[in-house]
């Protein structure tokens, strides 16, 4: 059983709060490249190690603090792009999840607000802002 074993961890940078927590739990620091359960890695190393060209894959008992292409979900502009692509794919497949109401609003996939990516969408944003200047706007840098 995994619960009876000491987890082995690896880190590619010296973050004392992480290391302290691993050690406090009695986890063992791993010196091998492959014999680890938790790898606390920086984004660049994750991209280098786990890219399609290397063919390197995680084992069933291995966890990372990042995953390749994580920015596709964590960057709001890319998340919107991926959700829109997913919507189109579901519509092409006639998947029930892509159902819309009589006004063309998604019943199940209406999960993203109107999004503007500046500076490219600046004119559209200003037009909408002038129409709805009293509503709350969320601004997040990319």
N, C-alpha and C. Protein backbone atom coordinates (compact mmCIF):
# COMPACT_ATOMS: atom_id res chain seq x y z
N UNK A 1 0.83 -1.20 0.00
CA UNK A 1 0.00 0.00 0.00
C UNK A 1 0.87 1.25 0.00
N UNK A 2 0.40 2.26 -0.72
CA UNK A 2 1.13 3.52 -0.79
C UNK A 2 1.14 4.22 0.57
N UNK A 3 0.08 4.05 1.37
CA UNK A 3 -0.01 4.76 2.65
C UNK A 3 1.05 4.31 3.64
N UNK A 4 1.59 3.11 3.48
CA UNK A 4 2.62 2.60 4.39
C UNK A 4 4.02 3.02 3.96
N UNK A 5 4.16 3.56 2.78
CA UNK A 5 5.47 3.94 2.26
C UNK A 5 5.75 5.41 2.53
N UNK A 6 7.02 5.73 2.64
CA UNK A 6 7.42 7.13 2.74
C UNK A 6 7.48 7.71 1.33
N UNK A 7 6.83 8.82 1.13
CA UNK A 7 6.88 9.47 -0.17
C UNK A 7 8.27 10.02 -0.41
N UNK A 8 8.67 9.99 -1.67
CA UNK A 8 9.96 10.55 -2.07
C UNK A 8 9.69 11.81 -2.88
N UNK A 9 10.39 12.87 -2.53
CA UNK A 9 10.18 14.13 -3.21
C UNK A 9 11.45 14.63 -3.86
N UNK A 10 11.25 15.46 -4.85
CA UNK A 10 12.35 16.07 -5.58
C UNK A 10 11.95 17.52 -5.84
N UNK A 11 12.92 18.41 -5.83
CA UNK A 11 12.66 19.81 -6.14
C UNK A 11 13.82 20.36 -6.93
N UNK A 12 13.53 21.23 -7.88
CA UNK A 12 14.61 21.81 -8.67
C UNK A 12 14.94 23.24 -8.23
N UNK A 13 14.36 23.67 -7.12
CA UNK A 13 14.76 24.95 -6.54
C UNK A 13 14.55 24.90 -5.03
N UNK A 14 15.22 25.80 -4.36
CA UNK A 14 15.29 25.77 -2.90
C UNK A 14 14.22 26.67 -2.29
N UNK A 15 13.02 26.14 -2.13
CA UNK A 15 11.92 26.86 -1.48
C UNK A 15 11.77 26.28 -0.08
N UNK A 16 12.23 27.01 0.92
CA UNK A 16 12.25 26.48 2.28
C UNK A 16 10.87 26.09 2.80
N UNK A 17 9.84 26.84 2.44
CA UNK A 17 8.51 26.48 2.95
C UNK A 17 8.06 25.13 2.40
N UNK A 18 8.40 24.82 1.17
CA UNK A 18 8.05 23.54 0.57
C UNK A 18 8.89 22.43 1.20
N UNK A 19 10.18 22.64 1.23
CA UNK A 19 11.09 21.63 1.78
C UNK A 19 10.75 21.34 3.24
N UNK A 20 10.49 22.37 4.02
CA UNK A 20 10.13 22.20 5.43
C UNK A 20 8.88 21.32 5.56
N UNK A 21 7.87 21.57 4.74
CA UNK A 21 6.64 20.78 4.81
C UNK A 21 6.86 19.34 4.39
N UNK A 22 7.68 19.12 3.38
CA UNK A 22 7.98 17.74 2.97
C UNK A 22 8.70 17.00 4.10
N UNK A 23 9.69 17.66 4.69
CA UNK A 23 10.47 17.03 5.76
C UNK A 23 9.62 16.81 7.01
N UNK A 24 8.76 17.76 7.33
CA UNK A 24 7.88 17.65 8.50
C UNK A 24 6.99 16.41 8.41
N UNK A 25 6.61 16.04 7.21
CA UNK A 25 5.77 14.87 6.99
C UNK A 25 6.58 13.57 6.96
N UNK A 26 7.89 13.70 7.06
CA UNK A 26 8.74 12.51 7.04
C UNK A 26 9.02 11.99 5.65
N UNK A 27 8.74 12.81 4.64
CA UNK A 27 9.00 12.38 3.27
C UNK A 27 10.50 12.41 3.01
N UNK A 28 10.94 11.59 2.11
CA UNK A 28 12.36 11.44 1.84
C UNK A 28 12.77 12.22 0.59
N UNK A 29 13.89 12.92 0.70
CA UNK A 29 14.41 13.64 -0.46
C UNK A 29 15.00 12.63 -1.43
N UNK A 30 14.65 12.76 -2.68
CA UNK A 30 15.08 11.82 -3.71
C UNK A 30 16.24 12.41 -4.49
N UNK A 31 17.23 11.60 -4.76
CA UNK A 31 18.37 12.06 -5.56
C UNK A 31 18.33 11.50 -6.97
N UNK A 32 17.47 10.53 -7.20
CA UNK A 32 17.35 9.91 -8.52
C UNK A 32 16.47 10.77 -9.43
N UNK A 33 16.68 10.65 -10.73
CA UNK A 33 15.86 11.40 -11.68
C UNK A 33 14.46 10.82 -11.83
N UNK A 34 14.29 9.53 -11.56
CA UNK A 34 13.01 8.88 -11.82
C UNK A 34 12.28 8.36 -10.59
N UNK A 35 12.97 8.18 -9.48
CA UNK A 35 12.39 7.50 -8.32
C UNK A 35 11.77 8.49 -7.34
N UNK A 36 10.84 9.30 -7.78
CA UNK A 36 10.20 10.28 -6.92
C UNK A 36 8.68 10.14 -7.04
N UNK A 37 8.00 10.61 -5.99
CA UNK A 37 6.53 10.64 -6.02
C UNK A 37 6.01 12.06 -6.25
N UNK A 38 6.72 13.03 -5.69
CA UNK A 38 6.33 14.43 -5.85
C UNK A 38 7.53 15.22 -6.34
N UNK A 39 7.33 15.93 -7.43
CA UNK A 39 8.39 16.77 -8.00
C UNK A 39 7.91 18.21 -7.97
N UNK A 40 8.54 19.03 -7.14
CA UNK A 40 8.21 20.45 -7.07
C UNK A 40 9.15 21.15 -8.03
N UNK A 41 8.63 21.48 -9.20
CA UNK A 41 9.48 21.96 -10.30
C UNK A 41 9.06 23.35 -10.75
N UNK A 42 10.02 24.05 -11.35
CA UNK A 42 9.64 25.32 -11.95
C UNK A 42 9.02 25.04 -13.33
N UNK A 43 8.29 26.00 -13.82
CA UNK A 43 7.53 25.82 -15.06
C UNK A 43 8.44 25.46 -16.23
N UNK A 44 9.57 26.12 -16.34
CA UNK A 44 10.47 25.88 -17.46
C UNK A 44 10.93 24.42 -17.49
N UNK A 45 11.30 23.88 -16.34
CA UNK A 45 11.75 22.48 -16.30
C UNK A 45 10.64 21.51 -16.66
N UNK A 46 9.44 21.79 -16.20
CA UNK A 46 8.31 20.91 -16.56
C UNK A 46 8.13 20.89 -18.07
N UNK A 47 8.20 22.07 -18.69
CA UNK A 47 8.06 22.13 -20.15
C UNK A 47 9.17 21.36 -20.85
N UNK A 48 10.39 21.45 -20.34
CA UNK A 48 11.52 20.78 -20.97
C UNK A 48 11.46 19.26 -20.79
N UNK A 49 11.13 18.82 -19.61
CA UNK A 49 11.14 17.39 -19.30
C UNK A 49 9.95 16.66 -19.91
N UNK A 50 8.77 17.27 -19.82
CA UNK A 50 7.54 16.58 -20.22
C UNK A 50 6.97 17.11 -21.53
N UNK A 51 7.82 17.37 -22.49
CA UNK A 51 7.31 17.79 -23.79
C UNK A 51 7.16 16.56 -24.69
N UNK A 52 6.37 16.64 -25.74
CA UNK A 52 6.11 15.46 -26.59
C UNK A 52 7.37 14.84 -27.20
N UNK A 53 8.39 15.63 -27.45
CA UNK A 53 9.60 15.09 -28.08
C UNK A 53 10.38 14.14 -27.17
N UNK A 54 10.33 14.38 -25.86
CA UNK A 54 11.09 13.52 -24.95
C UNK A 54 10.40 12.19 -24.71
N UNK A 55 9.09 12.17 -24.83
CA UNK A 55 8.35 10.94 -24.57
C UNK A 55 8.27 10.60 -23.10
N UNK A 56 8.78 11.48 -22.24
CA UNK A 56 8.77 11.23 -20.80
C UNK A 56 7.37 11.42 -20.25
N UNK A 57 6.89 10.45 -19.51
CA UNK A 57 5.55 10.51 -18.93
C UNK A 57 5.62 10.25 -17.43
N UNK A 58 4.63 10.75 -16.71
CA UNK A 58 4.56 10.51 -15.28
C UNK A 58 4.16 9.07 -15.01
N UNK A 59 4.71 8.52 -13.94
CA UNK A 59 4.28 7.21 -13.48
C UNK A 59 2.98 7.35 -12.70
N UNK A 60 2.36 6.23 -12.38
CA UNK A 60 1.07 6.26 -11.67
C UNK A 60 1.18 6.86 -10.28
N UNK A 61 2.35 6.82 -9.68
CA UNK A 61 2.52 7.34 -8.32
C UNK A 61 3.29 8.66 -8.29
N UNK A 62 3.32 9.36 -9.42
CA UNK A 62 4.08 10.61 -9.50
C UNK A 62 3.15 11.81 -9.70
N UNK A 63 3.47 12.89 -8.98
CA UNK A 63 2.72 14.13 -9.07
C UNK A 63 3.67 15.29 -9.32
N UNK A 64 3.18 16.28 -10.07
CA UNK A 64 3.92 17.52 -10.32
C UNK A 64 3.12 18.69 -9.80
N UNK A 65 3.79 19.78 -9.47
CA UNK A 65 3.08 20.99 -9.07
C UNK A 65 2.64 21.81 -10.28
N UNK A 66 3.13 21.49 -11.46
CA UNK A 66 2.71 22.14 -12.71
C UNK A 66 2.47 21.03 -13.72
N UNK A 67 1.84 21.36 -14.81
CA UNK A 67 1.74 20.41 -15.90
C UNK A 67 2.03 21.15 -17.20
N UNK A 68 2.52 20.43 -18.20
CA UNK A 68 2.84 21.09 -19.46
C UNK A 68 1.60 21.81 -20.01
N UNK A 69 1.82 22.97 -20.56
CA UNK A 69 0.76 23.80 -21.14
C UNK A 69 -0.26 24.27 -20.11
N UNK A 70 0.13 24.35 -18.86
CA UNK A 70 -0.80 24.79 -17.82
C UNK A 70 -1.37 26.17 -18.13
N UNK A 71 -0.62 26.98 -18.84
CA UNK A 71 -1.06 28.33 -19.15
C UNK A 71 -2.29 28.33 -20.05
N UNK A 72 -2.58 27.22 -20.72
CA UNK A 72 -3.79 27.13 -21.53
C UNK A 72 -5.04 27.26 -20.66
N UNK A 73 -4.92 26.95 -19.39
CA UNK A 73 -6.05 27.10 -18.47
C UNK A 73 -5.88 28.28 -17.53
N UNK A 74 -4.66 28.58 -17.14
CA UNK A 74 -4.46 29.62 -16.14
C UNK A 74 -4.44 31.02 -16.72
N UNK A 75 -4.13 31.15 -17.99
CA UNK A 75 -4.25 32.47 -18.63
C UNK A 75 -5.67 32.62 -19.12
N UNK A 76 -6.34 33.65 -18.66
CA UNK A 76 -7.77 33.81 -18.96
C UNK A 76 -8.05 33.92 -20.45
N UNK A 77 -7.17 34.59 -21.20
CA UNK A 77 -7.41 34.72 -22.63
C UNK A 77 -7.33 33.37 -23.33
N UNK A 78 -6.40 32.52 -22.91
CA UNK A 78 -6.28 31.20 -23.53
C UNK A 78 -7.39 30.25 -23.05
N UNK A 79 -7.81 30.42 -21.80
CA UNK A 79 -8.91 29.60 -21.31
C UNK A 79 -10.18 29.89 -22.11
N UNK A 80 -10.44 31.16 -22.37
CA UNK A 80 -11.61 31.54 -23.17
C UNK A 80 -11.51 30.92 -24.56
N UNK A 81 -10.34 31.01 -25.17
CA UNK A 81 -10.14 30.43 -26.50
C UNK A 81 -10.43 28.92 -26.49
N UNK A 82 -9.95 28.23 -25.47
CA UNK A 82 -10.14 26.78 -25.39
C UNK A 82 -11.60 26.40 -25.11
N UNK A 83 -12.27 27.18 -24.28
CA UNK A 83 -13.69 26.90 -24.02
C UNK A 83 -14.51 27.13 -25.29
N UNK A 84 -14.21 28.18 -26.03
CA UNK A 84 -14.92 28.43 -27.29
C UNK A 84 -14.67 27.30 -28.29
N UNK A 85 -13.44 26.83 -28.36
CA UNK A 85 -13.13 25.71 -29.26
C UNK A 85 -13.89 24.46 -28.82
N UNK A 86 -13.95 24.22 -27.51
CA UNK A 86 -14.68 23.08 -26.98
C UNK A 86 -16.16 23.17 -27.35
N UNK A 87 -16.74 24.37 -27.23
CA UNK A 87 -18.14 24.56 -27.60
C UNK A 87 -18.37 24.17 -29.06
N UNK A 88 -17.51 24.65 -29.95
CA UNK A 88 -17.65 24.35 -31.37
C UNK A 88 -17.52 22.85 -31.64
N UNK A 89 -16.56 22.22 -30.98
CA UNK A 89 -16.38 20.77 -31.15
C UNK A 89 -17.62 20.02 -30.69
N UNK A 90 -18.19 20.42 -29.57
CA UNK A 90 -19.39 19.75 -29.06
C UNK A 90 -20.58 19.97 -29.99
N UNK A 91 -20.67 21.16 -30.58
CA UNK A 91 -21.75 21.43 -31.54
C UNK A 91 -21.61 20.55 -32.78
N UNK A 92 -20.38 20.42 -33.28
CA UNK A 92 -20.14 19.57 -34.46
C UNK A 92 -20.54 18.13 -34.20
N UNK A 93 -20.33 17.67 -32.97
CA UNK A 93 -20.67 16.29 -32.60
C UNK A 93 -22.13 16.14 -32.19
N UNK A 94 -22.88 17.25 -32.22
CA UNK A 94 -24.27 17.26 -31.75
C UNK A 94 -24.39 16.73 -30.33
N UNK A 95 -23.42 17.05 -29.52
CA UNK A 95 -23.41 16.63 -28.13
C UNK A 95 -24.45 17.45 -27.36
N UNK A 96 -25.28 16.80 -26.54
CA UNK A 96 -26.32 17.53 -25.78
C UNK A 96 -25.77 18.65 -24.89
N UNK A 97 -24.51 18.56 -24.52
CA UNK A 97 -23.94 19.61 -23.66
C UNK A 97 -23.87 20.95 -24.40
N UNK A 98 -23.95 20.92 -25.72
CA UNK A 98 -23.87 22.16 -26.49
C UNK A 98 -25.25 22.76 -26.79
N UNK A 99 -26.28 22.27 -26.12
CA UNK A 99 -27.64 22.77 -26.35
C UNK A 99 -27.75 24.26 -26.01
N UNK A 100 -28.61 24.95 -26.77
CA UNK A 100 -28.84 26.38 -26.56
C UNK A 100 -30.33 26.62 -26.35
N UNK A 101 -30.64 27.74 -25.71
CA UNK A 101 -32.05 28.10 -25.54
C UNK A 101 -32.55 28.81 -26.79
N UNK A 102 -33.78 29.32 -26.75
CA UNK A 102 -34.39 29.97 -27.91
C UNK A 102 -33.66 31.24 -28.34
N UNK A 103 -32.91 31.83 -27.43
CA UNK A 103 -32.17 33.05 -27.75
C UNK A 103 -30.73 32.77 -28.17
N UNK A 104 -30.37 31.49 -28.26
CA UNK A 104 -29.03 31.13 -28.68
C UNK A 104 -28.00 31.12 -27.57
N UNK A 105 -28.46 31.15 -26.33
CA UNK A 105 -27.56 31.12 -25.17
C UNK A 105 -27.34 29.65 -24.78
N UNK A 106 -26.08 29.31 -24.55
CA UNK A 106 -25.77 27.95 -24.14
C UNK A 106 -26.45 27.63 -22.82
N UNK A 107 -27.06 26.46 -22.74
CA UNK A 107 -27.71 26.04 -21.51
C UNK A 107 -26.68 25.56 -20.48
N UNK A 108 -25.64 24.90 -20.94
CA UNK A 108 -24.67 24.29 -20.03
C UNK A 108 -23.27 24.87 -20.16
N UNK A 109 -22.97 25.51 -21.26
CA UNK A 109 -21.62 26.01 -21.48
C UNK A 109 -21.54 27.53 -21.43
N UNK A 110 -22.51 28.17 -20.81
CA UNK A 110 -22.48 29.62 -20.67
C UNK A 110 -21.71 29.96 -19.40
N UNK A 111 -20.42 29.70 -19.43
CA UNK A 111 -19.61 29.80 -18.22
C UNK A 111 -18.55 30.89 -18.28
N UNK A 112 -18.47 31.61 -19.38
CA UNK A 112 -17.45 32.65 -19.48
C UNK A 112 -18.10 34.00 -19.77
N UNK A 113 -17.62 35.02 -19.11
CA UNK A 113 -18.16 36.35 -19.40
C UNK A 113 -17.59 36.87 -20.72
N UNK A 114 -18.20 37.91 -21.23
CA UNK A 114 -17.64 38.56 -22.41
C UNK A 114 -16.22 38.97 -22.08
N UNK A 115 -15.31 38.65 -22.97
CA UNK A 115 -13.89 38.84 -22.69
C UNK A 115 -13.25 39.67 -23.79
N UNK A 116 -12.42 40.60 -23.38
CA UNK A 116 -11.69 41.44 -24.32
C UNK A 116 -10.21 41.28 -24.06
N UNK A 117 -9.46 41.09 -25.12
CA UNK A 117 -8.01 40.96 -25.01
C UNK A 117 -7.41 42.24 -25.58
N UNK A 118 -6.84 43.02 -24.69
CA UNK A 118 -6.29 44.31 -25.09
C UNK A 118 -4.82 44.17 -25.48
N UNK A 119 -4.34 44.92 -26.40
CA UNK A 119 -4.96 46.08 -27.03
C UNK A 119 -5.83 45.75 -28.24
N UNK A 120 -5.80 44.51 -28.72
CA UNK A 120 -6.51 44.16 -29.95
C UNK A 120 -8.00 44.43 -29.91
N UNK A 121 -8.65 44.20 -28.78
CA UNK A 121 -10.10 44.38 -28.66
C UNK A 121 -10.47 45.71 -28.01
N UNK A 122 -9.56 46.66 -28.02
CA UNK A 122 -9.79 47.92 -27.32
C UNK A 122 -11.05 48.63 -27.79
N UNK A 123 -11.26 48.74 -29.09
CA UNK A 123 -12.42 49.45 -29.62
C UNK A 123 -13.72 48.77 -29.18
N UNK A 124 -13.76 47.44 -29.25
CA UNK A 124 -14.95 46.70 -28.80
C UNK A 124 -15.19 46.91 -27.31
N UNK A 125 -14.11 46.88 -26.55
CA UNK A 125 -14.22 47.08 -25.10
C UNK A 125 -14.78 48.47 -24.78
N UNK A 126 -14.23 49.50 -25.39
CA UNK A 126 -14.68 50.87 -25.12
C UNK A 126 -16.16 51.02 -25.47
N UNK A 127 -16.57 50.45 -26.59
CA UNK A 127 -17.98 50.52 -26.99
C UNK A 127 -18.88 49.87 -25.93
N UNK A 128 -18.50 48.70 -25.47
CA UNK A 128 -19.29 47.99 -24.46
C UNK A 128 -19.24 48.72 -23.12
N UNK A 129 -18.09 49.25 -22.78
CA UNK A 129 -17.94 49.98 -21.51
C UNK A 129 -18.84 51.21 -21.49
N UNK A 130 -18.91 51.91 -22.60
CA UNK A 130 -19.77 53.11 -22.66
C UNK A 130 -21.24 52.74 -22.50
N UNK A 131 -21.63 51.58 -23.03
CA UNK A 131 -23.02 51.13 -22.89
C UNK A 131 -23.33 50.71 -21.46
N UNK A 132 -22.34 50.14 -20.79
CA UNK A 132 -22.55 49.55 -19.46
C UNK A 132 -21.51 50.05 -18.46
N UNK A 133 -21.38 51.34 -18.34
CA UNK A 133 -20.32 51.88 -17.47
C UNK A 133 -20.61 51.69 -15.99
N UNK A 134 -21.84 51.36 -15.63
CA UNK A 134 -22.19 51.20 -14.21
C UNK A 134 -22.05 49.77 -13.71
N UNK A 135 -21.63 48.86 -14.56
CA UNK A 135 -21.47 47.47 -14.12
C UNK A 135 -20.03 47.23 -13.69
N UNK A 136 -19.82 46.15 -12.95
CA UNK A 136 -18.47 45.83 -12.50
C UNK A 136 -17.68 45.17 -13.63
N UNK A 137 -16.45 45.59 -13.79
CA UNK A 137 -15.56 45.02 -14.80
C UNK A 137 -14.38 44.38 -14.08
N UNK A 138 -13.95 43.25 -14.58
CA UNK A 138 -12.77 42.58 -14.04
C UNK A 138 -11.66 42.73 -15.06
N UNK A 139 -10.52 43.21 -14.59
CA UNK A 139 -9.38 43.40 -15.49
C UNK A 139 -8.23 42.56 -14.97
N UNK A 140 -7.68 41.74 -15.82
CA UNK A 140 -6.59 40.87 -15.41
C UNK A 140 -5.50 40.93 -16.47
N UNK A 141 -4.28 41.21 -16.06
CA UNK A 141 -3.19 41.23 -17.04
C UNK A 141 -2.86 39.82 -17.51
N UNK A 142 -2.40 39.72 -18.74
CA UNK A 142 -2.01 38.41 -19.28
C UNK A 142 -0.63 38.03 -18.79
